[in-house]
Amino acid sequence: MKIAGFMKTSFVDFPGKIASVVFTQGCNLSCSYCHNAGLIEAKEDFRGVLPEEIFQWLSRRKGMIDGVVISGGEPTLQCNLKVFIEELKAMKLLVKLDTNGTNPDILRTLIADNLLDFIAMDLKAPLNKYEVITGMSGLELSSIRESVEIIQNSGLAHEFRTTFCPNLDADDIPCIILDFEINSNYVVQKCRDSGGQKLSDKKRDLRGLLTYTNRNFNLSLRGFEVG
């Protein structure tokens, strides 16, 4: 496991739980708005946090930490991910995985082995904008749709989420819902960096998003000022 960072305590990353957050190094997408851009490239000379250090810290906080969030980067690129999670489960910890859904086989294996308790999957854009938003060509979009289906059928607590970046419009949100057949647990979250988007445009898009929340589109908003 290439672990770039470790947040010892979080009250917001694992719904309803007190959690630690592990940030893995390396991602197979290159979204311009990425909140963790420093984690995209998997460098050969990488020096990060050792898994043993994390396990030692967690063992000393037994009973104080409910679970661990594994985020990134993209965690499913890590060759030792399954072993790492098995160690967490042996410590009686809950595990939440944050993923971009590009590796459905990994998801399927982790779910089948009862190693996950919560899955959060990013849906970057409607299918026709996916390569533009992610900065990657030749993506296997069928794999992303497969991951959505696996998660929906898993019986696990889950969340699908879209970061409302400057290259998305309000009208893209119902397209995402339809493209991926999302029927529940969908969150549209505010982008931390507006990328120079005009204030008037943001207000217009917010009005559009609020309209969709009232038209039987199963979505909720996170981080927006709606007052």
Protein backbone atom coordinates (compact mmCIF):
# COMPACT_ATOMS: atom_id res chain seq x y z
CA MET A 1 0.00 0.00 0.00
CA LYS A 2 1.28 3.43 -0.96
CA ILE A 3 -0.22 5.68 1.70
CA ALA A 4 0.36 9.40 1.22
CA GLY A 5 -1.49 10.67 4.25
CA PHE A 6 -3.35 9.71 7.39
CA MET A 7 -6.02 11.80 9.13
CA LYS A 8 -6.28 10.45 12.62
CA THR A 9 -9.79 11.65 13.43
CA SER A 10 -12.71 12.72 11.25
CA PHE A 11 -16.35 13.28 12.16
CA VAL A 12 -17.59 13.88 8.60
CA ASP A 13 -16.00 11.33 6.24
CA PHE A 14 -17.85 8.23 7.49
CA PRO A 15 -21.54 9.02 8.04
CA GLY A 16 -22.51 8.59 11.67
CA LYS A 17 -19.08 7.33 12.70
CA ILE A 18 -15.85 8.59 14.20
CA ALA A 19 -13.22 7.55 11.69
CA SER A 20 -9.63 7.77 10.62
CA VAL A 21 -8.91 8.48 6.95
CA VAL A 22 -6.19 6.85 4.85
CA PHE A 23 -5.19 8.59 1.61
CA THR A 24 -3.58 6.34 -0.99
CA GLN A 25 -1.11 7.56 -3.59
CA GLY A 26 -1.90 7.28 -7.29
CA CYS A 27 -4.98 7.76 -9.47
CA ASN A 28 -5.98 6.70 -12.97
CA LEU A 29 -7.97 9.89 -13.60
CA SER A 30 -6.83 13.50 -13.84
CA CYS A 31 -9.77 15.72 -12.93
CA SER A 32 -8.82 19.39 -13.11
CA TYR A 33 -10.71 20.24 -9.92
CA CYS A 34 -9.24 17.37 -7.85
CA HIS A 35 -9.15 18.18 -4.13
CA ASN A 36 -6.12 15.91 -3.68
CA ALA A 37 -4.12 16.68 -6.82
CA GLY A 38 -0.87 15.78 -5.08
CA LEU A 39 -2.06 12.17 -4.87
CA ILE A 40 -2.61 11.63 -8.60
CA GLU A 41 0.88 10.58 -9.67
CA ALA A 42 2.24 7.32 -8.27
CA LYS A 43 5.93 8.19 -7.94
CA GLU A 44 8.63 5.52 -7.91
CA ASP A 45 10.58 7.17 -5.10
CA PHE A 46 7.45 7.67 -3.02
CA ARG A 47 7.93 7.79 0.74
CA GLY A 48 4.74 7.90 2.73
CA VAL A 49 3.06 6.50 5.80
CA LEU A 50 3.74 2.86 6.61
CA PRO A 51 0.66 0.67 7.18
CA GLU A 52 2.28 -0.58 10.38
CA GLU A 53 2.26 2.96 11.77
CA ILE A 54 -1.47 3.23 11.11
CA PHE A 55 -2.24 -0.14 12.68
CA GLN A 56 -0.22 0.77 15.76
CA TRP A 57 -2.04 4.07 16.17
CA LEU A 58 -5.44 2.43 15.71
CA SER A 59 -4.64 -0.28 18.25
CA ARG A 60 -3.92 2.41 20.83
CA ARG A 61 -7.30 4.04 20.07
CA LYS A 62 -9.38 0.89 20.37
CA GLY A 63 -12.93 1.79 21.30
CA MET A 64 -12.43 5.42 20.31
CA ILE A 65 -12.37 5.03 16.52
CA ASP A 66 -15.35 3.32 14.85
CA GLY A 67 -13.88 2.81 11.42
CA VAL A 68 -11.44 3.73 8.68
CA VAL A 69 -12.10 5.51 5.41
CA ILE A 70 -9.81 4.49 2.55
CA SER A 71 -9.66 7.32 0.04
CA GLY A 72 -7.20 8.66 -2.48
CA GLY A 73 -6.11 8.96 -5.12
CA GLU A 74 -7.86 5.77 -6.18
CA PRO A 75 -7.56 3.01 -3.57
CA THR A 76 -8.46 0.13 -5.91
CA LEU A 77 -5.14 0.64 -7.72
CA GLN A 78 -3.28 -0.57 -4.62
CA CYS A 79 -2.11 -4.16 -4.97
CA ASN A 80 -2.28 -4.81 -1.22
CA LEU A 81 -5.64 -3.17 -0.63
CA LYS A 82 -7.42 -6.41 0.28
CA VAL A 83 -4.74 -7.40 2.80
CA PHE A 84 -4.81 -3.93 4.33
CA ILE A 85 -8.59 -4.07 4.78
CA GLU A 86 -8.42 -7.59 6.20
CA GLU A 87 -6.11 -6.27 8.91
CA LEU A 88 -8.56 -3.47 9.70
CA LYS A 89 -11.45 -5.92 9.91
CA ALA A 90 -9.39 -8.15 12.21
CA MET A 91 -9.23 -5.13 14.51
CA LYS A 92 -13.06 -5.01 14.49
CA LEU A 93 -13.11 -1.72 12.59
CA LEU A 94 -15.70 -0.64 10.04
CA VAL A 95 -14.35 0.17 6.58
CA LYS A 96 -15.59 2.77 4.09
CA LEU A 97 -14.14 2.83 0.59
CA ASP A 98 -14.05 5.94 -1.61
CA THR A 99 -13.67 5.03 -5.27
CA ASN A 100 -14.09 6.32 -8.82
CA GLY A 101 -15.58 2.99 -9.90
CA THR A 102 -13.08 2.18 -12.63
CA ASN A 103 -12.21 -1.23 -11.16
CA PRO A 104 -15.47 -3.19 -10.76
CA ASP A 105 -13.70 -6.53 -10.28
CA ILE A 106 -11.91 -5.22 -7.20
CA LEU A 107 -15.19 -3.90 -5.82
CA ARG A 108 -16.90 -7.21 -6.45
CA THR A 109 -14.18 -9.15 -4.63
CA LEU A 110 -14.12 -6.85 -1.59
CA ILE A 111 -17.90 -7.00 -1.29
CA ALA A 112 -18.01 -10.79 -1.71
CA ASP A 113 -15.43 -11.18 1.05
CA ASN A 114 -17.47 -8.97 3.41
CA LEU A 115 -14.65 -6.46 3.76
CA LEU A 116 -16.64 -3.25 3.24
CA ASP A 117 -19.31 -1.54 5.32
CA PHE A 118 -19.86 1.63 3.27
CA ILE A 119 -18.98 2.59 -0.31
CA ALA A 120 -18.86 6.12 -1.73
CA MET A 121 -18.47 6.29 -5.51
CA ASP A 122 -17.79 9.42 -7.52
CA LEU A 123 -19.80 9.95 -10.68
CA LYS A 124 -17.78 12.59 -12.50
CA ALA A 125 -20.13 13.61 -15.31
CA PRO A 126 -22.73 12.44 -17.81
CA LEU A 127 -21.33 9.74 -20.09
CA ASN A 128 -20.84 12.17 -22.97
CA LYS A 129 -18.65 14.46 -20.81
CA TYR A 130 -16.75 11.85 -18.82
CA GLU A 131 -13.48 11.99 -20.73
CA VAL A 132 -13.44 15.79 -20.75
CA ILE A 133 -14.10 16.09 -17.02
CA THR A 134 -11.63 13.36 -16.02
CA GLY A 135 -8.90 14.42 -18.44
CA MET A 136 -8.57 10.85 -19.71
CA SER A 137 -9.33 9.36 -23.11
CA GLY A 138 -10.25 5.76 -23.82
CA LEU A 139 -12.02 5.21 -20.50
CA GLU A 140 -14.01 2.01 -20.13
CA LEU A 141 -17.26 3.72 -19.28
CA SER A 142 -19.00 0.34 -19.16
CA SER A 143 -16.81 -0.51 -16.17
CA ILE A 144 -18.04 2.56 -14.32
CA ARG A 145 -21.64 1.64 -15.03
CA GLU A 146 -20.88 -1.89 -13.87
CA SER A 147 -19.51 -0.57 -10.58
CA VAL A 148 -22.71 1.40 -10.02
CA GLU A 149 -24.75 -1.76 -10.52
CA ILE A 150 -22.51 -3.78 -8.19
CA ILE A 151 -22.85 -1.19 -5.44
CA GLN A 152 -26.60 -0.85 -5.85
CA ASN A 153 -27.02 -4.62 -5.58
CA SER A 154 -24.55 -5.06 -2.72
CA GLY A 155 -26.95 -4.40 0.14
CA LEU A 156 -24.30 -2.16 1.70
CA ALA A 157 -24.69 1.41 2.85
CA HIS A 158 -23.53 3.55 -0.05
CA GLU A 159 -23.48 6.96 -1.67
CA PHE A 160 -23.02 8.18 -5.21
CA ARG A 161 -21.71 11.71 -5.49
CA THR A 162 -20.85 14.31 -8.09
CA THR A 163 -18.61 17.30 -7.50
CA PHE A 164 -20.28 20.24 -9.21
CA CYS A 165 -17.16 21.52 -10.96
CA PRO A 166 -17.09 24.56 -13.30
CA ASN A 167 -17.33 22.35 -16.40
CA LEU A 168 -20.67 20.92 -15.32
CA ASP A 169 -24.04 22.60 -15.76
CA ALA A 170 -27.16 22.08 -13.71
CA ASP A 171 -28.72 20.25 -16.66
CA ASP A 172 -25.94 17.65 -16.48
CA ILE A 173 -27.20 16.36 -13.12
CA PRO A 174 -30.41 14.67 -14.32
CA CYS A 175 -28.37 13.27 -17.22
CA ILE A 176 -26.00 11.62 -14.73
CA ILE A 177 -28.96 10.17 -12.84
CA LEU A 178 -30.41 8.75 -16.05
CA ASP A 179 -27.11 7.58 -17.57
CA PHE A 180 -26.20 5.57 -14.47
CA GLU A 181 -29.76 4.69 -13.43
CA ILE A 182 -29.33 6.16 -9.96
CA ASN A 183 -32.50 5.77 -7.92
CA SER A 184 -31.30 6.80 -4.45
CA ASN A 185 -28.36 7.93 -2.31
CA TYR A 186 -27.11 10.58 -4.75
CA VAL A 187 -25.35 13.72 -3.56
CA VAL A 188 -24.22 16.76 -5.54
CA GLN A 189 -21.43 18.48 -3.65
CA LYS A 190 -19.98 21.93 -4.04
CA CYS A 191 -16.59 22.22 -5.71
CA ARG A 192 -13.98 23.86 -3.50
CA ASP A 193 -12.49 25.79 -6.41
CA SER A 194 -14.92 27.63 -8.67
CA GLY A 195 -12.28 27.90 -11.38
CA GLY A 196 -13.26 31.48 -12.12
CA GLN A 197 -16.88 30.68 -12.83
CA LYS A 198 -18.97 33.86 -12.77
CA LEU A 199 -21.07 34.47 -9.68
CA SER A 200 -24.20 34.94 -11.78
CA ASP A 201 -23.64 31.56 -13.43
CA LYS A 202 -23.20 29.85 -10.06
CA LYS A 203 -26.44 31.37 -8.78
CA ARG A 204 -28.23 30.25 -11.92
CA ASP A 205 -26.89 26.71 -11.58
CA LEU A 206 -27.80 26.58 -7.91
CA ARG A 207 -31.36 27.57 -8.76
CA GLY A 208 -31.38 24.79 -11.34
CA LEU A 209 -30.10 22.21 -8.84
CA LEU A 210 -32.69 23.26 -6.29
CA THR A 211 -35.37 22.83 -8.95
CA TYR A 212 -34.24 19.27 -9.65
CA THR A 213 -34.35 18.38 -5.94
CA ASN A 214 -38.06 19.19 -6.03
CA ARG A 215 -38.92 17.29 -9.21
CA ASN A 216 -38.64 13.66 -8.09
CA PHE A 217 -34.92 13.48 -8.81
CA ASN A 218 -33.47 11.59 -5.87
CA LEU A 219 -30.58 13.87 -5.00
CA SER A 220 -29.38 16.02 -2.15
CA LEU A 221 -27.00 18.97 -2.04
CA ARG A 222 -23.87 19.25 0.10
CA GLY A 223 -21.82 22.34 0.82
CA PHE A 224 -24.02 24.83 -1.05
CA GLU A 225 -25.35 27.97 0.59
CA VAL A 226 -29.02 27.82 -0.23
CA GLY A 227 -30.30 30.53 2.09
